[in-house]
N, C-alpha and C. Protein backbone atom coordinates (compact mmCIF):
# COMPACT_ATOMS: atom_id res chain seq x y z
N MET A 1 23.71 -31.29 54.96
CA MET A 1 24.41 -29.99 54.93
C MET A 1 25.88 -30.20 54.58
N THR A 2 26.39 -29.46 53.61
CA THR A 2 27.79 -29.58 53.23
C THR A 2 28.66 -28.71 54.12
N ALA A 3 29.95 -29.03 54.15
CA ALA A 3 30.89 -28.27 54.96
C ALA A 3 31.39 -27.07 54.17
N SER A 4 31.49 -25.92 54.82
CA SER A 4 32.00 -24.74 54.12
C SER A 4 33.51 -24.84 53.97
N PHE A 5 34.01 -24.42 52.82
CA PHE A 5 35.44 -24.38 52.60
C PHE A 5 35.77 -23.14 51.80
N PHE A 6 37.04 -22.76 51.80
CA PHE A 6 37.46 -21.58 51.05
C PHE A 6 37.68 -21.98 49.59
N ARG A 7 36.88 -21.41 48.72
CA ARG A 7 36.99 -21.77 47.31
C ARG A 7 38.28 -21.20 46.73
N PHE A 8 38.95 -22.03 45.98
CA PHE A 8 40.28 -21.71 45.50
C PHE A 8 40.37 -21.95 44.00
N HIS A 9 41.35 -21.31 43.38
CA HIS A 9 41.62 -21.55 41.96
C HIS A 9 42.21 -22.95 41.82
N PRO A 10 41.73 -23.79 40.89
CA PRO A 10 40.95 -23.49 39.69
C PRO A 10 39.44 -23.67 39.82
N LEU A 11 38.94 -23.87 41.04
CA LEU A 11 37.48 -24.00 41.18
C LEU A 11 36.80 -22.68 40.87
N VAL A 12 37.49 -21.58 41.15
CA VAL A 12 36.97 -20.24 40.85
C VAL A 12 38.08 -19.47 40.16
N PRO A 13 37.76 -18.38 39.47
CA PRO A 13 38.80 -17.55 38.85
C PRO A 13 39.77 -17.01 39.91
N PRO A 14 41.02 -16.74 39.54
CA PRO A 14 42.01 -16.26 40.52
C PRO A 14 41.53 -15.07 41.34
N GLU A 15 40.79 -14.15 40.72
CA GLU A 15 40.34 -12.95 41.46
C GLU A 15 39.26 -13.27 42.49
N GLU A 16 38.68 -14.47 42.44
CA GLU A 16 37.67 -14.87 43.41
C GLU A 16 38.20 -15.90 44.41
N ASP A 17 39.49 -16.15 44.37
CA ASP A 17 40.12 -17.15 45.23
C ASP A 17 40.09 -16.69 46.69
N ALA A 18 39.18 -17.27 47.48
CA ALA A 18 39.01 -16.85 48.88
C ALA A 18 40.22 -17.23 49.72
N LEU A 19 40.87 -18.33 49.39
CA LEU A 19 42.04 -18.76 50.15
C LEU A 19 43.18 -17.76 50.00
N SER A 20 43.39 -17.27 48.78
CA SER A 20 44.43 -16.27 48.55
C SER A 20 44.10 -14.97 49.27
N LYS A 21 42.82 -14.61 49.29
CA LYS A 21 42.40 -13.40 49.99
C LYS A 21 42.65 -13.51 51.50
N LEU A 22 42.41 -14.70 52.05
CA LEU A 22 42.66 -14.91 53.48
C LEU A 22 44.14 -14.78 53.79
N HIS A 23 44.98 -15.41 52.97
CA HIS A 23 46.43 -15.32 53.17
C HIS A 23 46.89 -13.87 53.12
N ALA A 24 46.40 -13.13 52.14
CA ALA A 24 46.81 -11.73 51.97
C ALA A 24 46.39 -10.89 53.18
N ALA A 25 45.19 -11.13 53.68
CA ALA A 25 44.70 -10.37 54.83
C ALA A 25 45.53 -10.67 56.08
N ALA A 26 45.87 -11.94 56.29
CA ALA A 26 46.66 -12.32 57.47
C ALA A 26 48.05 -11.68 57.40
N HIS A 27 48.65 -11.69 56.22
CA HIS A 27 49.96 -11.07 56.05
C HIS A 27 49.90 -9.58 56.31
N GLN A 28 48.87 -8.91 55.75
CA GLN A 28 48.75 -7.47 55.90
C GLN A 28 48.53 -7.07 57.35
N MET A 29 47.74 -7.85 58.06
CA MET A 29 47.49 -7.55 59.47
C MET A 29 48.77 -7.62 60.29
N ALA A 30 49.61 -8.62 59.98
CA ALA A 30 50.88 -8.73 60.69
C ALA A 30 51.80 -7.57 60.33
N ASP A 31 51.85 -7.22 59.03
CA ASP A 31 52.70 -6.11 58.59
C ASP A 31 52.27 -4.80 59.22
N ASP A 32 50.95 -4.61 59.37
CA ASP A 32 50.42 -3.37 59.94
C ASP A 32 50.39 -3.38 61.46
N LYS A 33 50.83 -4.50 62.04
CA LYS A 33 50.83 -4.63 63.51
C LYS A 33 49.45 -4.36 64.11
N VAL A 34 48.45 -4.92 63.48
CA VAL A 34 47.07 -4.78 63.95
C VAL A 34 46.93 -5.41 65.33
N ILE A 35 46.14 -4.76 66.18
CA ILE A 35 45.89 -5.30 67.53
C ILE A 35 44.43 -5.71 67.62
N VAL A 36 44.18 -6.93 68.02
CA VAL A 36 42.83 -7.45 68.18
C VAL A 36 42.62 -7.84 69.64
N ARG A 37 41.70 -7.14 70.29
CA ARG A 37 41.40 -7.39 71.70
C ARG A 37 42.67 -7.35 72.57
N GLY A 38 43.53 -6.38 72.28
CA GLY A 38 44.72 -6.17 73.10
C GLY A 38 45.92 -7.03 72.74
N VAL A 39 45.78 -7.90 71.74
CA VAL A 39 46.88 -8.79 71.36
C VAL A 39 47.31 -8.47 69.92
N PRO A 40 48.59 -8.16 69.69
CA PRO A 40 49.05 -7.84 68.34
C PRO A 40 49.06 -9.08 67.45
N VAL A 41 48.72 -8.85 66.18
CA VAL A 41 48.76 -9.93 65.19
C VAL A 41 50.19 -10.05 64.68
N THR A 42 50.70 -11.27 64.63
CA THR A 42 52.04 -11.53 64.12
C THR A 42 51.97 -12.57 63.00
N GLY A 43 53.12 -12.96 62.51
CA GLY A 43 53.17 -14.00 61.50
C GLY A 43 52.66 -15.34 61.99
N GLU A 44 52.43 -15.45 63.28
CA GLU A 44 51.92 -16.71 63.83
C GLU A 44 50.52 -17.02 63.31
N LEU A 45 49.73 -15.99 63.05
CA LEU A 45 48.39 -16.22 62.49
C LEU A 45 48.52 -16.88 61.12
N TRP A 46 49.40 -16.36 60.28
CA TRP A 46 49.63 -16.95 58.96
C TRP A 46 50.10 -18.39 59.10
N ASP A 47 51.03 -18.64 60.04
CA ASP A 47 51.57 -20.00 60.19
C ASP A 47 50.51 -20.99 60.65
N ILE A 48 49.61 -20.54 61.50
CA ILE A 48 48.53 -21.43 61.95
C ILE A 48 47.61 -21.78 60.78
N ILE A 49 47.27 -20.78 59.99
CA ILE A 49 46.44 -21.02 58.80
C ILE A 49 47.15 -22.02 57.88
N ASP A 50 48.42 -21.76 57.62
CA ASP A 50 49.19 -22.60 56.72
C ASP A 50 49.33 -24.02 57.26
N PHE A 51 49.57 -24.15 58.56
CA PHE A 51 49.79 -25.46 59.16
C PHE A 51 48.54 -26.33 59.06
N VAL A 52 47.39 -25.75 59.33
CA VAL A 52 46.15 -26.53 59.24
C VAL A 52 45.91 -26.97 57.79
N LEU A 53 46.16 -26.07 56.85
CA LEU A 53 45.95 -26.40 55.44
C LEU A 53 46.88 -27.50 54.95
N ARG A 54 48.05 -27.64 55.57
CA ARG A 54 49.03 -28.63 55.13
C ARG A 54 49.07 -29.89 55.97
N SER A 55 48.38 -29.89 57.10
CA SER A 55 48.51 -31.03 58.02
C SER A 55 47.22 -31.81 58.24
N PHE A 56 46.06 -31.21 57.89
CA PHE A 56 44.75 -31.84 58.08
C PHE A 56 44.35 -31.95 59.55
N VAL A 57 45.11 -31.30 60.44
CA VAL A 57 44.80 -31.33 61.87
C VAL A 57 43.60 -30.43 62.14
N ARG A 58 42.74 -30.86 63.05
CA ARG A 58 41.59 -30.03 63.41
C ARG A 58 42.06 -28.81 64.18
N PRO A 59 41.51 -27.62 63.87
CA PRO A 59 41.92 -26.39 64.56
C PRO A 59 41.22 -26.25 65.92
N THR A 60 41.45 -27.23 66.78
CA THR A 60 40.78 -27.29 68.07
C THR A 60 41.80 -27.34 69.20
N VAL A 61 41.31 -27.14 70.42
CA VAL A 61 42.17 -27.18 71.61
C VAL A 61 42.81 -28.55 71.77
N THR A 62 42.07 -29.63 71.46
CA THR A 62 42.60 -30.97 71.68
C THR A 62 43.51 -31.46 70.56
N GLU A 63 43.52 -30.77 69.41
CA GLU A 63 44.40 -31.18 68.33
C GLU A 63 45.45 -30.11 68.04
N LEU A 64 45.12 -29.08 67.30
CA LEU A 64 46.10 -28.07 66.89
C LEU A 64 46.81 -27.43 68.07
N TYR A 65 46.04 -26.93 69.03
CA TYR A 65 46.63 -26.17 70.13
C TYR A 65 47.24 -27.05 71.21
N ALA A 66 47.07 -28.36 71.09
CA ALA A 66 47.69 -29.29 72.04
C ALA A 66 49.05 -29.76 71.54
N LEU A 67 49.40 -29.43 70.29
CA LEU A 67 50.65 -29.92 69.73
C LEU A 67 51.87 -29.32 70.43
N ARG A 68 52.82 -30.18 70.73
CA ARG A 68 54.09 -29.78 71.32
C ARG A 68 55.21 -30.16 70.35
N HIS A 69 56.39 -29.59 70.57
CA HIS A 69 57.49 -29.85 69.64
C HIS A 69 57.85 -31.34 69.60
N ASN A 70 57.67 -32.04 70.70
CA ASN A 70 57.94 -33.48 70.71
C ASN A 70 56.98 -34.25 69.80
N ASP A 71 55.88 -33.61 69.42
CA ASP A 71 54.88 -34.26 68.56
C ASP A 71 55.20 -34.12 67.08
N ILE A 72 56.24 -33.35 66.75
CA ILE A 72 56.56 -33.06 65.36
C ILE A 72 57.87 -33.73 64.98
N LYS A 73 57.83 -34.56 63.97
CA LYS A 73 59.02 -35.26 63.51
C LYS A 73 59.17 -35.09 61.99
N PRO A 74 60.18 -34.32 61.54
CA PRO A 74 60.42 -34.19 60.11
C PRO A 74 60.83 -35.53 59.50
N ALA A 75 60.40 -35.78 58.28
CA ALA A 75 60.74 -37.02 57.60
C ALA A 75 60.97 -36.74 56.12
N LEU A 76 61.67 -37.67 55.47
CA LEU A 76 62.01 -37.53 54.05
C LEU A 76 61.44 -38.70 53.25
N LYS A 77 61.43 -38.51 51.93
CA LYS A 77 61.02 -39.55 50.98
C LYS A 77 59.63 -40.11 51.28
N PRO A 78 58.58 -39.30 51.19
CA PRO A 78 58.58 -37.90 50.75
C PRO A 78 58.80 -36.93 51.91
N MET A 79 59.18 -35.70 51.58
CA MET A 79 59.37 -34.67 52.60
C MET A 79 58.04 -34.36 53.27
N ARG A 80 58.03 -34.40 54.59
CA ARG A 80 56.79 -34.18 55.34
C ARG A 80 57.11 -34.04 56.81
N LEU A 81 56.09 -33.70 57.58
CA LEU A 81 56.14 -33.80 59.03
C LEU A 81 55.25 -34.95 59.44
N MET A 82 55.70 -35.71 60.43
CA MET A 82 54.85 -36.72 61.04
C MET A 82 54.36 -36.12 62.36
N VAL A 83 53.08 -35.83 62.40
CA VAL A 83 52.48 -35.09 63.52
C VAL A 83 51.71 -36.05 64.41
N THR A 84 52.14 -36.17 65.65
CA THR A 84 51.45 -37.03 66.60
C THR A 84 50.32 -36.25 67.27
N VAL A 85 49.11 -36.69 67.03
CA VAL A 85 47.93 -36.12 67.69
C VAL A 85 47.60 -37.05 68.86
N ARG A 86 47.85 -36.57 70.07
CA ARG A 86 47.77 -37.46 71.24
C ARG A 86 46.34 -37.82 71.62
N LYS A 87 45.49 -36.80 71.66
CA LYS A 87 44.11 -37.04 72.09
C LYS A 87 43.15 -36.29 71.17
N GLY A 88 43.14 -36.67 69.91
CA GLY A 88 42.27 -36.02 68.94
C GLY A 88 40.83 -36.46 69.08
N LYS A 89 40.01 -35.93 68.21
CA LYS A 89 38.57 -36.25 68.23
C LYS A 89 38.33 -37.74 68.09
N THR A 90 39.17 -38.40 67.28
CA THR A 90 39.02 -39.84 67.08
C THR A 90 40.12 -40.62 67.77
N GLY A 91 40.76 -39.99 68.76
CA GLY A 91 41.80 -40.67 69.51
C GLY A 91 43.19 -40.39 68.98
N PHE A 92 44.13 -41.27 69.33
CA PHE A 92 45.53 -41.12 68.94
C PHE A 92 45.70 -41.39 67.44
N ARG A 93 46.52 -40.57 66.77
CA ARG A 93 46.90 -40.86 65.39
C ARG A 93 48.18 -40.12 65.05
N ILE A 94 48.84 -40.56 64.00
CA ILE A 94 49.99 -39.85 63.45
C ILE A 94 49.60 -39.38 62.06
N ALA A 95 49.60 -38.07 61.87
CA ALA A 95 49.19 -37.47 60.60
C ALA A 95 50.42 -37.09 59.79
N ASN A 96 50.44 -37.49 58.54
CA ASN A 96 51.50 -37.09 57.62
C ASN A 96 51.05 -35.83 56.89
N THR A 97 51.92 -34.85 56.84
CA THR A 97 51.57 -33.56 56.25
C THR A 97 51.97 -33.49 54.78
N MET A 98 51.59 -32.42 54.15
CA MET A 98 52.07 -32.07 52.82
C MET A 98 53.47 -31.45 52.96
N PRO A 99 54.28 -31.44 51.89
CA PRO A 99 55.65 -30.90 51.99
C PRO A 99 55.73 -29.47 52.52
N ALA A 100 54.76 -28.62 52.18
CA ALA A 100 54.81 -27.21 52.57
C ALA A 100 54.71 -27.01 54.08
N ALA A 101 54.33 -28.05 54.82
CA ALA A 101 54.28 -27.93 56.28
C ALA A 101 55.68 -27.86 56.87
N VAL A 102 56.68 -28.37 56.14
CA VAL A 102 58.05 -28.39 56.66
C VAL A 102 58.61 -26.98 56.81
N PRO A 103 58.60 -26.12 55.75
CA PRO A 103 59.07 -24.75 55.95
C PRO A 103 58.22 -23.97 56.94
N CYS A 104 56.94 -24.31 57.03
CA CYS A 104 56.08 -23.66 58.01
C CYS A 104 56.59 -23.96 59.43
N TYR A 105 56.93 -25.20 59.69
CA TYR A 105 57.44 -25.57 61.02
C TYR A 105 58.80 -24.93 61.29
N ARG A 106 59.60 -24.77 60.23
CA ARG A 106 60.90 -24.09 60.42
C ARG A 106 60.68 -22.66 60.87
N ARG A 107 59.68 -22.00 60.31
CA ARG A 107 59.38 -20.62 60.73
C ARG A 107 58.95 -20.59 62.19
N ILE A 108 58.17 -21.58 62.58
CA ILE A 108 57.70 -21.66 63.97
C ILE A 108 58.90 -21.82 64.91
N LYS A 109 59.84 -22.71 64.56
CA LYS A 109 61.01 -22.92 65.41
C LYS A 109 61.89 -21.67 65.45
N HIS A 110 61.95 -20.95 64.34
CA HIS A 110 62.74 -19.72 64.31
C HIS A 110 62.11 -18.66 65.21
N ARG A 111 60.78 -18.67 65.30
CA ARG A 111 60.08 -17.70 66.13
C ARG A 111 60.34 -17.96 67.62
N TYR A 112 60.46 -19.23 67.96
CA TYR A 112 60.68 -19.62 69.37
C TYR A 112 61.95 -20.46 69.45
N PRO A 113 63.12 -19.83 69.27
CA PRO A 113 64.38 -20.60 69.20
C PRO A 113 64.75 -21.33 70.48
N LYS A 114 64.21 -20.92 71.61
CA LYS A 114 64.56 -21.56 72.88
C LYS A 114 63.52 -22.61 73.31
N ALA A 115 62.63 -22.94 72.41
CA ALA A 115 61.56 -23.89 72.75
C ALA A 115 62.12 -25.26 73.09
N LYS A 116 61.53 -25.87 74.11
CA LYS A 116 61.89 -27.23 74.52
C LYS A 116 60.85 -28.21 74.00
N GLY A 117 61.16 -29.48 74.10
CA GLY A 117 60.33 -30.52 73.52
C GLY A 117 58.88 -30.50 73.94
N GLU A 118 58.63 -30.22 75.21
CA GLU A 118 57.24 -30.25 75.70
C GLU A 118 56.57 -28.88 75.68
N ASP A 119 57.21 -27.91 75.05
CA ASP A 119 56.57 -26.61 74.86
C ASP A 119 55.57 -26.71 73.72
N TYR A 120 54.47 -25.96 73.85
CA TYR A 120 53.48 -25.92 72.78
C TYR A 120 54.08 -25.22 71.57
N ILE A 121 53.68 -25.64 70.36
CA ILE A 121 54.28 -25.01 69.18
C ILE A 121 53.61 -23.69 68.82
N PHE A 122 52.35 -23.51 69.20
CA PHE A 122 51.65 -22.27 68.91
C PHE A 122 51.29 -21.52 70.19
N LEU A 123 51.63 -20.22 70.22
CA LEU A 123 51.38 -19.37 71.38
C LEU A 123 51.76 -20.06 72.69
N PRO A 124 53.01 -20.50 72.82
CA PRO A 124 53.42 -21.23 74.02
C PRO A 124 53.41 -20.38 75.29
N GLN A 125 53.35 -19.06 75.13
CA GLN A 125 53.31 -18.19 76.31
C GLN A 125 51.98 -18.28 77.05
N TYR A 126 50.99 -18.89 76.43
CA TYR A 126 49.69 -19.06 77.06
C TYR A 126 49.51 -20.54 77.42
N GLN A 127 49.71 -20.86 78.68
CA GLN A 127 49.56 -22.25 79.11
C GLN A 127 48.10 -22.71 79.03
N ASN A 128 47.19 -21.75 79.20
CA ASN A 128 45.77 -22.08 79.03
C ASN A 128 45.49 -22.17 77.53
N ARG A 129 45.26 -23.36 77.06
CA ARG A 129 45.08 -23.58 75.63
C ARG A 129 43.77 -23.01 75.11
N GLN A 130 42.79 -22.91 75.97
CA GLN A 130 41.54 -22.26 75.57
C GLN A 130 41.80 -20.79 75.24
N THR A 131 42.64 -20.15 76.06
CA THR A 131 42.98 -18.75 75.83
C THR A 131 43.71 -18.59 74.50
N ALA A 132 44.69 -19.46 74.23
CA ALA A 132 45.43 -19.40 72.97
C ALA A 132 44.49 -19.55 71.78
N ALA A 133 43.57 -20.50 71.87
CA ALA A 133 42.63 -20.74 70.77
C ALA A 133 41.71 -19.54 70.56
N LYS A 134 41.27 -18.91 71.65
CA LYS A 134 40.39 -17.74 71.54
C LYS A 134 41.10 -16.57 70.87
N ILE A 135 42.38 -16.38 71.20
CA ILE A 135 43.14 -15.28 70.61
C ILE A 135 43.21 -15.44 69.10
N ILE A 136 43.55 -16.64 68.65
CA ILE A 136 43.66 -16.87 67.21
C ILE A 136 42.28 -16.83 66.55
N GLN A 137 41.26 -17.30 67.24
CA GLN A 137 39.91 -17.25 66.68
C GLN A 137 39.50 -15.81 66.39
N ARG A 138 39.77 -14.90 67.32
CA ARG A 138 39.42 -13.50 67.11
C ARG A 138 40.21 -12.89 65.96
N GLN A 139 41.51 -13.19 65.90
CA GLN A 139 42.33 -12.66 64.82
C GLN A 139 41.91 -13.23 63.47
N PHE A 140 41.56 -14.51 63.47
CA PHE A 140 41.12 -15.17 62.25
C PHE A 140 39.83 -14.53 61.73
N HIS A 141 38.87 -14.28 62.61
CA HIS A 141 37.62 -13.66 62.19
C HIS A 141 37.84 -12.24 61.70
N GLU A 142 38.80 -11.54 62.27
CA GLU A 142 39.12 -10.20 61.79
C GLU A 142 39.73 -10.28 60.38
N ALA A 143 40.54 -11.30 60.14
CA ALA A 143 41.11 -11.49 58.80
C ALA A 143 40.01 -11.79 57.78
N LEU A 144 39.03 -12.60 58.18
CA LEU A 144 37.90 -12.88 57.29
C LEU A 144 37.16 -11.59 56.96
N ARG A 145 36.94 -10.76 57.98
CA ARG A 145 36.20 -9.51 57.78
C ARG A 145 36.95 -8.59 56.82
N ARG A 146 38.25 -8.46 57.04
CA ARG A 146 39.05 -7.57 56.20
C ARG A 146 39.14 -8.07 54.76
N ALA A 147 39.13 -9.38 54.60
CA ALA A 147 39.21 -9.96 53.26
C ALA A 147 37.85 -9.99 52.56
N GLY A 148 36.78 -9.74 53.32
CA GLY A 148 35.44 -9.76 52.73
C GLY A 148 34.98 -11.16 52.38
N ILE A 149 35.40 -12.15 53.18
CA ILE A 149 35.06 -13.55 52.88
C ILE A 149 34.44 -14.23 54.10
N GLU A 150 33.64 -13.50 54.83
CA GLU A 150 33.02 -14.08 56.03
C GLU A 150 32.04 -15.21 55.69
N THR A 151 31.48 -15.16 54.48
CA THR A 151 30.57 -16.22 54.05
C THR A 151 30.95 -16.69 52.64
N ASP A 152 30.55 -17.89 52.32
CA ASP A 152 30.74 -18.45 50.98
C ASP A 152 29.63 -17.90 50.09
N PRO A 153 29.96 -17.14 49.04
CA PRO A 153 28.91 -16.56 48.20
C PRO A 153 28.09 -17.59 47.44
N PHE A 154 28.61 -18.81 47.30
CA PHE A 154 27.89 -19.84 46.57
C PHE A 154 26.82 -20.52 47.43
N THR A 155 27.09 -20.64 48.73
CA THR A 155 26.17 -21.37 49.61
C THR A 155 25.56 -20.51 50.71
N GLY A 156 26.18 -19.35 50.98
CA GLY A 156 25.71 -18.51 52.07
C GLY A 156 26.17 -18.98 53.43
N GLN A 157 26.96 -20.06 53.48
CA GLN A 157 27.45 -20.58 54.75
C GLN A 157 28.57 -19.71 55.29
N GLU A 158 28.64 -19.60 56.62
CA GLU A 158 29.71 -18.84 57.25
C GLU A 158 31.02 -19.61 57.18
N HIS A 159 32.10 -18.87 56.96
CA HIS A 159 33.42 -19.46 57.06
C HIS A 159 33.87 -19.44 58.53
N THR A 160 34.46 -20.52 58.98
CA THR A 160 34.97 -20.63 60.34
C THR A 160 36.39 -21.18 60.28
N ARG A 161 37.01 -21.34 61.45
CA ARG A 161 38.34 -21.96 61.50
C ARG A 161 38.28 -23.37 60.91
N TYR A 162 37.16 -24.05 61.12
CA TYR A 162 37.04 -25.41 60.60
C TYR A 162 37.03 -25.42 59.07
N SER A 163 36.72 -24.30 58.45
CA SER A 163 36.75 -24.22 56.99
C SER A 163 38.17 -24.48 56.46
N LEU A 164 39.18 -24.21 57.29
CA LEU A 164 40.56 -24.48 56.89
C LEU A 164 40.78 -25.98 56.72
N ARG A 165 40.29 -26.76 57.67
CA ARG A 165 40.43 -28.23 57.56
C ARG A 165 39.64 -28.75 56.37
N HIS A 166 38.42 -28.22 56.20
CA HIS A 166 37.62 -28.65 55.06
C HIS A 166 38.36 -28.33 53.75
N THR A 167 39.00 -27.17 53.70
CA THR A 167 39.74 -26.78 52.50
C THR A 167 40.93 -27.69 52.28
N ALA A 168 41.61 -28.06 53.36
CA ALA A 168 42.76 -28.97 53.25
C ALA A 168 42.36 -30.27 52.57
N LEU A 169 41.22 -30.82 52.96
CA LEU A 169 40.75 -32.07 52.37
C LEU A 169 40.31 -31.87 50.92
N CYS A 170 39.63 -30.76 50.66
CA CYS A 170 39.17 -30.48 49.30
C CYS A 170 40.33 -30.27 48.33
N THR A 171 41.37 -29.58 48.78
CA THR A 171 42.51 -29.35 47.90
C THR A 171 43.20 -30.66 47.54
N ARG A 172 43.24 -31.60 48.47
CA ARG A 172 43.86 -32.90 48.17
C ARG A 172 43.07 -33.63 47.09
N ILE A 173 41.76 -33.57 47.19
CA ILE A 173 40.93 -34.26 46.20
C ILE A 173 41.10 -33.63 44.83
N ILE A 174 41.12 -32.30 44.78
CA ILE A 174 41.23 -31.59 43.50
C ILE A 174 42.63 -31.68 42.92
N PHE A 175 43.66 -31.34 43.72
CA PHE A 175 45.00 -31.26 43.18
C PHE A 175 45.64 -32.62 42.94
N SER A 176 45.04 -33.68 43.45
CA SER A 176 45.54 -35.03 43.13
C SER A 176 44.95 -35.50 41.80
N HIS A 177 44.09 -34.66 41.20
CA HIS A 177 43.42 -35.00 39.94
C HIS A 177 42.60 -36.28 40.08
N GLY A 178 41.98 -36.41 41.24
CA GLY A 178 41.09 -37.54 41.46
C GLY A 178 41.79 -38.83 41.81
N LYS A 179 43.12 -38.79 42.02
CA LYS A 179 43.87 -40.03 42.24
C LYS A 179 44.20 -40.31 43.71
N VAL A 180 43.91 -39.38 44.61
CA VAL A 180 44.21 -39.61 46.01
C VAL A 180 43.38 -40.79 46.53
N ASN A 181 44.01 -41.61 47.37
CA ASN A 181 43.31 -42.73 47.98
C ASN A 181 42.46 -42.20 49.13
N ILE A 182 41.15 -42.25 48.97
CA ILE A 182 40.24 -41.66 49.95
C ILE A 182 40.38 -42.32 51.32
N PHE A 183 40.62 -43.62 51.35
CA PHE A 183 40.80 -44.32 52.63
C PHE A 183 42.02 -43.78 53.36
N ASN A 184 43.16 -43.63 52.64
CA ASN A 184 44.36 -43.09 53.27
C ASN A 184 44.16 -41.66 53.73
N LEU A 185 43.46 -40.87 52.92
CA LEU A 185 43.19 -39.48 53.28
C LEU A 185 42.36 -39.41 54.55
N ALA A 186 41.33 -40.25 54.62
CA ALA A 186 40.45 -40.26 55.79
C ALA A 186 41.22 -40.69 57.04
N LYS A 187 42.01 -41.75 56.93
CA LYS A 187 42.79 -42.23 58.07
C LYS A 187 43.76 -41.18 58.55
N ASN A 188 44.44 -40.52 57.61
CA ASN A 188 45.43 -39.50 57.96
C ASN A 188 44.79 -38.31 58.66
N ALA A 189 43.57 -37.98 58.26
CA ALA A 189 42.87 -36.82 58.83
C ALA A 189 42.05 -37.16 60.06
N GLY A 190 42.01 -38.43 60.44
CA GLY A 190 41.23 -38.81 61.61
C GLY A 190 39.75 -38.70 61.37
N THR A 191 39.32 -39.10 60.17
CA THR A 191 37.90 -39.07 59.86
C THR A 191 37.56 -40.37 59.12
N SER A 192 36.44 -40.43 58.45
CA SER A 192 36.02 -41.64 57.77
C SER A 192 35.79 -41.37 56.30
N VAL A 193 35.82 -42.43 55.50
CA VAL A 193 35.52 -42.30 54.07
C VAL A 193 34.11 -41.75 53.89
N ASP A 194 33.19 -42.21 54.73
CA ASP A 194 31.81 -41.73 54.65
C ASP A 194 31.73 -40.22 54.87
N GLN A 195 32.48 -39.72 55.87
CA GLN A 195 32.48 -38.29 56.14
C GLN A 195 33.03 -37.50 54.96
N ILE A 196 34.11 -37.99 54.37
CA ILE A 196 34.70 -37.29 53.22
C ILE A 196 33.72 -37.26 52.06
N GLU A 197 33.07 -38.38 51.81
CA GLU A 197 32.12 -38.44 50.70
C GLU A 197 30.90 -37.56 50.95
N ARG A 198 30.43 -37.52 52.21
CA ARG A 198 29.21 -36.77 52.54
C ARG A 198 29.45 -35.27 52.64
N PHE A 199 30.57 -34.87 53.24
CA PHE A 199 30.76 -33.46 53.57
C PHE A 199 31.83 -32.75 52.76
N TYR A 200 32.67 -33.48 52.02
CA TYR A 200 33.74 -32.83 51.27
C TYR A 200 33.60 -33.07 49.77
N ALA A 201 33.69 -34.34 49.37
CA ALA A 201 33.68 -34.64 47.94
C ALA A 201 32.41 -34.15 47.26
N ARG A 202 31.28 -34.23 47.94
CA ARG A 202 30.02 -33.82 47.32
C ARG A 202 29.95 -32.31 47.09
N SER A 203 30.81 -31.55 47.78
CA SER A 203 30.82 -30.10 47.63
C SER A 203 31.55 -29.66 46.37
N LEU A 204 32.33 -30.55 45.78
CA LEU A 204 33.22 -30.16 44.70
C LEU A 204 32.61 -30.41 43.33
N PRO A 205 32.80 -29.47 42.42
CA PRO A 205 32.34 -29.71 41.04
C PRO A 205 33.22 -30.76 40.38
N LEU A 206 32.71 -31.42 39.36
CA LEU A 206 33.46 -32.45 38.65
C LEU A 206 34.40 -31.76 37.66
N SER A 207 35.66 -31.61 38.06
CA SER A 207 36.65 -30.96 37.20
C SER A 207 36.98 -31.86 36.03
N PRO A 208 37.65 -31.31 35.00
CA PRO A 208 38.06 -32.15 33.87
C PRO A 208 38.89 -33.36 34.30
N GLU A 209 39.79 -33.15 35.29
CA GLU A 209 40.62 -34.26 35.76
C GLU A 209 39.78 -35.35 36.41
N LEU A 210 38.81 -34.93 37.25
CA LEU A 210 37.95 -35.90 37.92
C LEU A 210 37.05 -36.59 36.91
N ALA A 211 36.62 -35.87 35.88
CA ALA A 211 35.78 -36.48 34.85
C ALA A 211 36.57 -37.53 34.08
N ARG A 212 37.86 -37.23 33.79
CA ARG A 212 38.69 -38.21 33.09
C ARG A 212 38.92 -39.44 33.98
N ASN A 213 39.11 -39.19 35.29
CA ASN A 213 39.28 -40.30 36.22
C ASN A 213 38.03 -41.18 36.23
N LEU A 214 36.86 -40.54 36.18
CA LEU A 214 35.60 -41.25 36.18
C LEU A 214 35.48 -42.13 34.95
N GLN A 215 35.99 -41.62 33.82
CA GLN A 215 35.83 -42.34 32.55
C GLN A 215 37.00 -43.30 32.26
N SER A 216 37.95 -43.38 33.19
CA SER A 216 39.13 -44.20 32.96
C SER A 216 38.76 -45.66 32.74
N MET A 217 39.46 -46.31 31.78
CA MET A 217 39.27 -47.73 31.49
C MET A 217 40.41 -48.57 32.05
N GLY A 218 41.18 -47.95 32.98
CA GLY A 218 42.25 -48.68 33.65
C GLY A 218 43.59 -48.61 32.95
N ASP A 219 43.72 -47.75 31.91
CA ASP A 219 44.99 -47.66 31.21
C ASP A 219 45.87 -46.58 31.81
């Protein structure tokens, strides 16, 4: 069984880009001050979506929702965040993010200007991390519904929060034009080369860039 991910341009035409539709729905919900199960939707939903897509962190209580400000260290050359995952699915690791995670984290800090080092970075007002995760899960599913992307039309599989992580890995494979080091990608994401090959790479069509990489003679 392959992992569901949000199909994005250039894998699909721009008008069928599910990732863009998700972003638009999350933004609109915040602008409209939509309330889901008594909790208003804010820009924090967008930031959580964006952070997972740029950091490869699992959207779980033990990874994403366990992150504290002390776990985030901005770095340069290249620009990135170094994210300490204390007790992830595969144990301790430090994940290097994509550059776009940096402005995302700046927005988070601006939202909570009085945050201290050991405060949670997402929904810190909820000390119960299960509660914080449930709130975002409900808002996320409402965004899927509004965007009309609850399932992948190509496979019929349901989209879930985990689809964000799957998409993060798929975008790296595609946008690197087949040049990303799969071992480094797996280590950074706290998974294995076997998992990436079985559940991510096999889901992707062979783009022109990947086909050229396949045919490369080492020049």
